[in-house]
Structure formats: structure tokens, C-alpha cells
Protein backbone atom coordinates (compact mmCIF):
# COMPACT_ATOMS: atom_id res chain seq x y z
CA MET A 1 13.37 -22.23 -0.27
CA SER A 2 15.69 -24.72 1.38
CA ALA A 3 14.20 -27.68 3.16
CA GLU A 4 13.70 -27.19 6.87
CA SER A 5 14.79 -29.96 9.18
CA PRO A 6 12.61 -30.85 12.17
CA GLY A 7 12.88 -28.01 14.66
CA ALA A 8 14.40 -25.57 12.17
CA ALA A 9 11.79 -22.95 13.01
CA ALA A 10 11.99 -20.97 16.24
CA THR A 11 12.25 -23.39 19.14
CA ALA A 12 10.05 -22.89 22.17
CA GLY A 13 12.64 -24.60 24.35
CA ALA A 14 15.36 -22.05 23.64
CA SER A 15 16.70 -20.16 26.66
CA ALA A 16 15.48 -16.63 27.25
CA GLY A 17 17.51 -14.09 25.30
CA VAL A 18 18.91 -16.74 22.95
CA ARG A 19 18.44 -16.45 19.20
CA SER A 20 16.30 -19.18 17.72
CA VAL A 21 17.01 -20.91 14.41
CA ARG A 22 14.92 -19.69 11.49
CA ARG A 23 16.13 -22.18 8.91
CA LEU A 24 18.98 -24.58 8.12
CA HIS A 25 20.63 -24.31 4.71
CA PRO A 26 22.61 -27.32 3.45
CA ALA A 27 25.86 -26.81 1.60
CA ILE A 28 25.34 -27.81 -2.05
CA ARG A 29 28.08 -29.65 -3.99
CA HIS A 30 29.79 -27.40 -6.55
CA ASP A 31 33.05 -29.26 -7.28
CA ILE A 32 35.77 -27.29 -9.05
CA GLY A 33 37.65 -29.81 -11.18
CA ASP A 34 38.91 -32.45 -8.78
CA LEU A 35 38.51 -30.12 -5.79
CA VAL A 36 35.57 -31.22 -3.64
CA THR A 37 33.57 -28.05 -2.96
CA ARG A 38 30.37 -27.38 -1.04
CA ARG A 39 28.60 -24.02 -0.99
CA PRO A 40 25.96 -23.07 1.60
CA LEU A 41 25.91 -19.37 0.66
CA PRO A 42 24.41 -18.37 -1.66
CA GLY A 43 22.05 -21.32 -1.84
CA PRO A 44 18.54 -22.27 -2.99
CA GLY A 45 16.90 -20.63 0.03
CA ILE A 46 19.27 -17.78 0.82
CA GLU A 47 21.14 -15.21 -1.25
CA MET A 48 23.19 -13.49 1.45
CA LEU A 49 23.40 -12.71 5.17
CA ASP A 50 24.26 -9.03 4.86
CA PRO A 51 27.23 -8.38 4.90
CA PHE A 52 28.24 -12.07 4.54
CA LEU A 53 28.12 -12.88 0.83
CA PHE A 54 29.57 -16.26 -0.04
CA LEU A 55 31.19 -19.35 1.43
CA ASN A 56 33.07 -22.13 -0.33
CA HIS A 57 33.96 -25.22 1.71
CA HIS A 58 36.78 -27.07 -0.10
CA GLY A 59 37.47 -30.65 1.00
CA PRO A 60 38.16 -32.45 3.19
CA GLN A 61 40.08 -34.65 0.80
CA PHE A 62 43.51 -36.20 0.35
CA TYR A 63 45.84 -35.19 -2.45
CA PRO A 64 48.35 -37.82 -3.66
CA PRO A 65 52.00 -37.03 -4.31
CA ASN A 66 52.76 -35.17 -7.55
CA ASN A 67 49.32 -33.53 -7.66
CA ARG A 68 48.29 -30.36 -9.52
CA GLY A 69 47.25 -28.54 -6.37
CA LEU A 70 44.61 -25.84 -6.14
CA PRO A 71 43.28 -24.28 -9.37
CA PHE A 72 43.05 -20.64 -8.24
CA GLY A 73 45.63 -18.88 -10.40
CA PRO A 74 45.78 -15.08 -10.84
CA HIS A 75 42.35 -13.42 -10.84
CA PRO A 76 40.98 -9.98 -9.90
CA HIS A 77 38.73 -8.73 -7.10
CA ARG A 78 37.15 -5.40 -6.17
CA GLY A 79 34.70 -4.20 -3.53
CA PHE A 80 34.90 -6.86 -0.78
CA GLU A 81 37.16 -8.94 1.47
CA THR A 82 38.08 -12.61 1.48
CA VAL A 83 38.74 -14.48 4.71
CA THR A 84 40.29 -17.89 4.14
CA PHE A 85 40.54 -20.54 6.87
CA ILE A 86 43.10 -23.30 6.31
CA LEU A 87 41.85 -26.23 8.38
CA GLN A 88 44.12 -28.85 6.79
CA GLY A 89 47.00 -28.53 4.35
CA GLU A 90 48.75 -25.33 3.25
CA LEU A 91 47.89 -22.35 1.08
CA ALA A 92 50.22 -19.95 -0.73
CA HIS A 93 49.06 -16.37 -1.35
CA HIS A 94 50.47 -13.93 -3.93
CA ASP A 95 48.94 -10.60 -4.93
CA SER A 96 49.66 -7.56 -7.09
CA GLY A 97 50.28 -5.46 -3.97
CA GLY A 98 53.43 -7.47 -3.25
CA HIS A 99 52.02 -9.61 -0.44
CA GLU A 100 53.16 -13.22 -0.26
CA SER A 101 52.76 -15.93 2.35
CA ILE A 102 52.39 -19.65 2.90
CA ILE A 103 49.86 -20.34 5.65
CA ALA A 104 49.72 -23.77 7.26
CA ALA A 105 46.89 -25.69 8.93
CA GLY A 106 45.06 -23.67 11.57
CA GLY A 107 45.97 -20.34 9.98
CA VAL A 108 43.92 -17.62 8.31
CA GLN A 109 44.37 -15.25 5.36
CA TRP A 110 42.43 -11.95 5.49
CA MET A 111 42.55 -9.96 2.24
CA THR A 112 40.86 -6.64 1.55
CA ALA A 113 40.43 -6.28 -2.21
CA GLY A 114 39.08 -2.74 -1.88
CA ARG A 115 39.66 -0.71 -5.04
CA GLY A 116 41.11 -3.72 -6.81
CA LEU A 117 43.96 -6.19 -6.97
CA VAL A 118 45.01 -9.43 -8.64
CA HIS A 119 45.77 -12.41 -6.44
CA ALA A 120 46.42 -16.13 -6.63
CA GLU A 121 45.73 -18.89 -4.11
CA LEU A 122 47.81 -21.92 -4.88
CA SER A 123 49.20 -25.02 -3.24
CA PRO A 124 52.86 -24.62 -2.26
CA GLU A 125 55.32 -26.63 -4.34
CA ARG A 126 55.98 -28.94 -1.37
CA PHE A 127 52.26 -29.83 -1.16
CA GLU A 128 52.12 -30.50 -4.90
CA ARG A 129 55.18 -32.73 -4.60
CA GLU A 130 54.28 -34.60 -1.39
CA GLY A 131 50.47 -34.37 -1.23
CA GLY A 132 48.44 -34.60 1.96
CA PRO A 133 45.07 -33.70 3.47
CA LEU A 134 43.35 -30.47 2.48
CA GLU A 135 40.35 -28.57 3.85
CA ILE A 136 39.86 -24.84 3.29
CA LEU A 137 36.97 -22.43 3.86
CA GLN A 138 36.74 -19.12 2.02
CA LEU A 139 34.24 -16.50 3.16
CA TRP A 140 33.47 -13.29 1.23
CA LEU A 141 32.65 -10.20 3.29
CA ASN A 142 30.99 -7.27 1.57
CA LEU A 143 32.36 -3.77 2.07
CA PRO A 144 30.04 -0.77 2.54
CA ALA A 145 29.95 1.75 -0.31
CA ARG A 146 32.19 4.15 1.61
CA LEU A 147 34.98 1.52 1.80
CA LYS A 148 34.79 -0.18 -1.59
CA ARG A 149 37.68 1.90 -2.96
CA VAL A 150 40.07 1.59 -0.02
CA PRO A 151 43.66 0.52 -0.81
CA PRO A 152 44.07 -3.28 -0.83
CA ARG A 153 45.67 -4.92 2.17
CA TYR A 154 46.51 -8.42 3.39
CA ARG A 155 47.18 -10.19 6.68
CA GLY A 156 48.34 -13.78 6.95
CA LEU A 157 48.11 -15.48 10.35
CA GLN A 158 49.68 -18.77 11.36
CA ALA A 159 47.87 -20.89 13.94
CA ALA A 160 50.21 -19.78 16.74
CA GLU A 161 49.20 -16.13 16.19
CA ILE A 162 45.50 -16.81 16.84
CA PRO A 163 44.46 -16.78 20.53
CA VAL A 164 42.57 -19.87 21.68
CA LEU A 165 40.15 -19.05 24.50
CA SER A 166 39.01 -22.03 26.55
CA ALA A 167 35.46 -22.28 27.90
CA ASP A 168 33.19 -24.72 29.71
CA GLY A 169 35.96 -26.46 31.56
CA GLY A 170 37.97 -27.07 28.39
CA ARG A 171 35.08 -28.66 26.48
CA ALA A 172 34.79 -25.61 24.20
CA ALA A 173 37.26 -23.25 22.55
CA VAL A 174 37.03 -19.95 20.66
CA LYS A 175 39.83 -19.29 18.16
CA LEU A 176 39.42 -15.53 17.99
CA ILE A 177 40.44 -13.87 14.72
CA ALA A 178 38.66 -10.49 14.76
CA GLY A 179 36.52 -8.73 17.33
CA SER A 180 36.51 -9.44 21.05
CA TRP A 181 35.22 -12.06 23.47
CA ASP A 182 35.68 -12.55 27.20
CA GLY A 183 38.00 -9.53 27.44
CA ARG A 184 40.31 -10.61 24.62
CA SER A 185 40.67 -9.21 21.10
CA GLY A 186 41.56 -10.98 17.89
CA PRO A 187 44.79 -10.17 16.00
CA VAL A 188 43.01 -8.83 12.89
CA GLN A 189 41.78 -5.23 13.10
CA PRO A 190 39.12 -5.13 10.36
CA ILE A 191 38.21 -1.94 8.52
CA PHE A 192 34.57 -2.26 9.59
CA ASP A 193 32.93 -3.73 12.68
CA VAL A 194 32.96 -7.48 12.09
CA SER A 195 33.84 -10.36 14.42
CA MET A 196 35.16 -13.72 13.22
CA ALA A 197 36.14 -16.89 15.05
CA VAL A 198 36.50 -20.64 14.66
CA LEU A 199 34.67 -22.57 17.38
CA GLU A 200 35.51 -26.05 18.60
CA LEU A 201 33.26 -28.14 20.83
CA ALA A 202 33.66 -31.54 22.48
CA PRO A 203 30.59 -33.70 23.16
CA GLY A 204 28.52 -31.87 25.76
CA GLY A 205 30.58 -28.70 25.47
CA GLN A 206 28.58 -25.47 25.57
CA LEU A 207 29.14 -21.90 24.38
CA ARG A 208 26.99 -18.83 24.90
CA LEU A 209 28.19 -16.01 22.65
CA PRO A 210 26.77 -12.50 23.08
CA VAL A 211 25.56 -10.86 19.86
CA ALA A 212 23.34 -7.77 19.73
CA ALA A 213 19.93 -8.57 18.24
CA ALA A 214 20.38 -6.12 15.33
CA ARG A 215 23.53 -7.83 14.05
CA SER A 216 23.66 -10.49 11.33
CA VAL A 217 25.09 -13.81 12.53
CA PHE A 218 27.10 -16.14 10.31
CA LEU A 219 27.19 -19.67 11.73
CA TYR A 220 28.32 -22.65 9.62
CA LEU A 221 28.91 -26.16 10.93
CA VAL A 222 32.01 -27.56 9.27
CA ARG A 223 31.89 -30.98 10.90
CA GLY A 224 30.26 -32.78 13.78
CA THR A 225 26.76 -32.32 15.18
CA VAL A 226 25.58 -29.50 17.43
CA VAL A 227 22.40 -28.16 18.99
CA VAL A 228 21.72 -24.44 18.53
CA ALA A 229 18.92 -23.01 20.68
CA GLY A 230 17.29 -26.45 20.84
CA THR A 231 17.66 -27.24 17.12
CA GLU A 232 19.92 -30.16 16.17
CA VAL A 233 22.19 -29.27 13.26
CA PRO A 234 23.98 -31.82 11.01
CA PRO A 235 27.38 -31.09 9.42
CA CYS A 236 27.81 -28.82 6.40
CA HIS A 237 24.81 -26.63 7.21
CA LEU A 238 24.51 -22.86 7.49
CA MET A 239 22.24 -21.67 10.30
CA GLU A 240 20.02 -18.68 9.60
CA LEU A 241 19.08 -17.23 13.00
CA ASN A 242 16.23 -15.03 14.08
CA GLY A 243 16.88 -11.65 15.68
CA ASP A 244 14.91 -12.58 18.80
CA GLY A 245 17.73 -12.60 21.32
CA ASP A 246 21.09 -11.15 22.25
CA ALA A 247 23.13 -14.36 22.43
CA VAL A 248 23.93 -17.48 20.41
CA GLU A 249 23.86 -20.73 22.36
CA ILE A 250 25.59 -23.86 21.02
CA GLU A 251 26.07 -27.33 22.49
CA GLY A 252 28.22 -30.07 21.00
CA ARG A 253 26.65 -33.46 20.33
CA SER A 254 29.98 -34.74 19.00
CA ASP A 255 33.38 -33.20 18.34
CA ALA A 256 32.44 -30.20 16.20
CA VAL A 257 34.02 -27.28 14.34
CA LEU A 258 32.04 -24.17 13.38
CA LEU A 259 32.72 -20.89 11.60
CA PHE A 260 31.18 -17.98 13.52
CA GLY A 261 30.92 -14.29 12.71
CA HIS A 262 28.64 -11.31 13.23
CA ALA A 263 28.30 -7.76 11.91
CA GLU A 264 25.81 -4.94 11.44
CA PRO A 265 24.01 -5.32 8.10
CA PHE A 266 24.73 -2.51 5.61
CA GLY A 267 21.28 -2.43 4.01
CA GLU A 268 22.80 -1.31 0.69
CA PRO A 269 22.19 -2.54 -2.86
CA VAL A 270 24.50 -5.40 -3.85
CA VAL A 271 25.43 -5.98 -7.48
CA ALA A 272 27.85 -8.87 -7.96
CA GLN A 273 29.36 -10.27 -11.11
CA GLY A 274 32.13 -12.83 -10.93
CA PRO A 275 35.04 -11.35 -8.98
CA PHE A 276 33.49 -7.88 -8.42
CA VAL A 277 30.95 -6.84 -5.75
CA MET A 278 29.68 -3.27 -6.01
CA ASN A 279 26.49 -1.24 -5.46
CA THR A 280 25.46 -0.55 -9.06
CA ARG A 281 25.68 -2.17 -12.48
CA GLU A 282 27.69 0.82 -13.71
CA GLU A 283 30.32 0.19 -11.03
CA ILE A 284 30.63 -3.44 -12.16
CA ILE A 285 31.21 -2.29 -15.76
CA GLN A 286 33.83 0.18 -14.53
CA ALA A 287 35.58 -2.52 -12.47
CA ALA A 288 35.85 -4.77 -15.53
CA ARG A 289 37.19 -1.87 -17.58
CA ASP A 290 39.74 -0.90 -14.91
CA TYR A 291 40.97 -4.49 -14.67
CA ARG A 292 41.28 -4.73 -18.45
CA ASP A 293 43.23 -1.45 -18.48
CA GLY A 294 45.75 -2.78 -15.94
CA LEU A 295 44.67 -0.60 -13.01
CA PHE A 296 44.56 -3.59 -10.63
CA GLY A 297 48.27 -4.24 -11.16
CA ALA A 298 50.13 -7.02 -12.89
CA ASP A 299 49.78 -10.74 -12.17
CA PRO A 300 51.78 -11.33 -8.99
CA PRO A 301 55.28 -12.79 -9.31
CA GLY A 302 55.46 -16.37 -8.09
CA ALA A 303 51.85 -17.12 -9.03
CA ALA A 304 52.63 -18.80 -12.33
CA ARG A 305 53.00 -22.59 -12.44
């Protein structure tokens, strides 16, 4: 189990109706070549937060001019979705369904692998030539069995396309990507009921976010320090919350950025191997066979370097 920080268990001082913190899970270093990478999920004390499967936190770091860029050339996926948050830098997307984009800082890429596709996530040529800061989060969302074979799809959002909802007199902001809050809806219409947002807090800023008690909450602190239901949380920690309330309450201790999502758990078997996430071992074997037989499509044009 992961180490619990002081106050990581349910906090008696939490407001009524607010979810308490069960445990804090630190992001563990898993560098990929020269790409600084931290991974809070899965981790030593947690395998998944159904249906949230996996998070890689790349950076922050600075790339010099004439760099090699990101190492994520063409590779397959089946059975889940990837949601990629570009906090600093740029990210180019190419996939076998013909989708291409270059998303800049503040933007999001939402890809549904579904029945299978090949995609690449690379640094644009300009970034490789000029360098610059880079920080990217990639979250994997499971799909329920009934949706694992849906046709692939992709949506790329630039920062200007994401509504920013101000709260607490401007000391807090919700960058709403999917789902609804305070009468507004995010620009992504997901294929199952999941909400996703990036939260920003100034020192002393407060947010109270309604979430039904039965839903799984994904809450990761990218940077800064916050207090969640009376528990102080340091940067690069995933918060595992109890289902003892119908709201999530966060207060900034410093300037802070968090990744926030929630969804109904599926309660289905999960069998994952590399780039495939299915419900049975037989489905994993079939996915590997289908990819080998070319059923995911060809490597996307423009992905080769």
C-alpha cells in the first residue's frame, strides 16, 4: 500500500456532505528515455479508479533546440480512450482514421480507440527545431464492454475552445472539457457519462464540486499545494476519495493546477496488456491478432520521422 501522509484518512473536520480523503498516492518516476515521467496510476497502492485506468505525467522540462522530441511513434490501441492535456509545449496527433492535429499549450486531445486504431503522438517539427518547455498529462479511460468495439474517433481542442468558468471571486477556475458545471457544458460529448476538467486555484481560492456519492472521482494535483476536505496534499499526488459525501471541496494553499474527473464505475473485469484493454484474456489475444493482420489500419501518414 502507498504511504499515507498525516491526515490522509477520513478527516473529522471535513464539511458535511463533502467526500473525505481515503489515501494519497504519490506519482512514481518512470522516465521514458530523456522524457521525465511520473505515474500515480497504477501505483504501489492502487491499480485503478474504475473507469480511470492510467495516468502519465510527462515533464515539466525544457527541450533545447534541435531535440528529438517525444518518442511516441505509431502504436496500436483497442478498448479504451486517451485524454491528453497539453499544459506546456505542443503535441502533434496522427492516426489511421485520418485524423491529424497540432494542439498547443492549454489544449486537449480526446481519442476513442474503440475497436482499434494506430496513432502517433509526436512533437511538431517546429518544436524539435526550436525547443521549449513541455508538460503533458495523458489519462486512459476504460470503455464498458458494450462500447469496446465502437468506431474510433478523435477530437482536438485548442485552449480557446475550452470554456473557463470563474469561481470564488476569480480565485478559482474550472476549464470544462466534458460534462457540466454551473449550468455550462464542456465541448466534448463523450460516449459514456464522464466529466473532465482542469482546475486552477490561487492561494485561498476555494471550489466545491458536486459529485454523486456512487461515482468514482479522479483528482490529481499537478502542481502547487491544496487542502481537500481538511487534508493537505503536496504536488504530484493522486487523491483517492471516500464515497461519504456528494461534493468535492478543494482550497488552494498556493497557485495550483489539478486534473479532475468523475464517472460511474463499470464494475466489469479488466484485462490489460500493453496497448489493449479488454474484459477477457481471449479478447486481448484477438486484439493482438487483429493488429498483426492489419485490421487497425496502416501507420498514419505524417507520423514517420
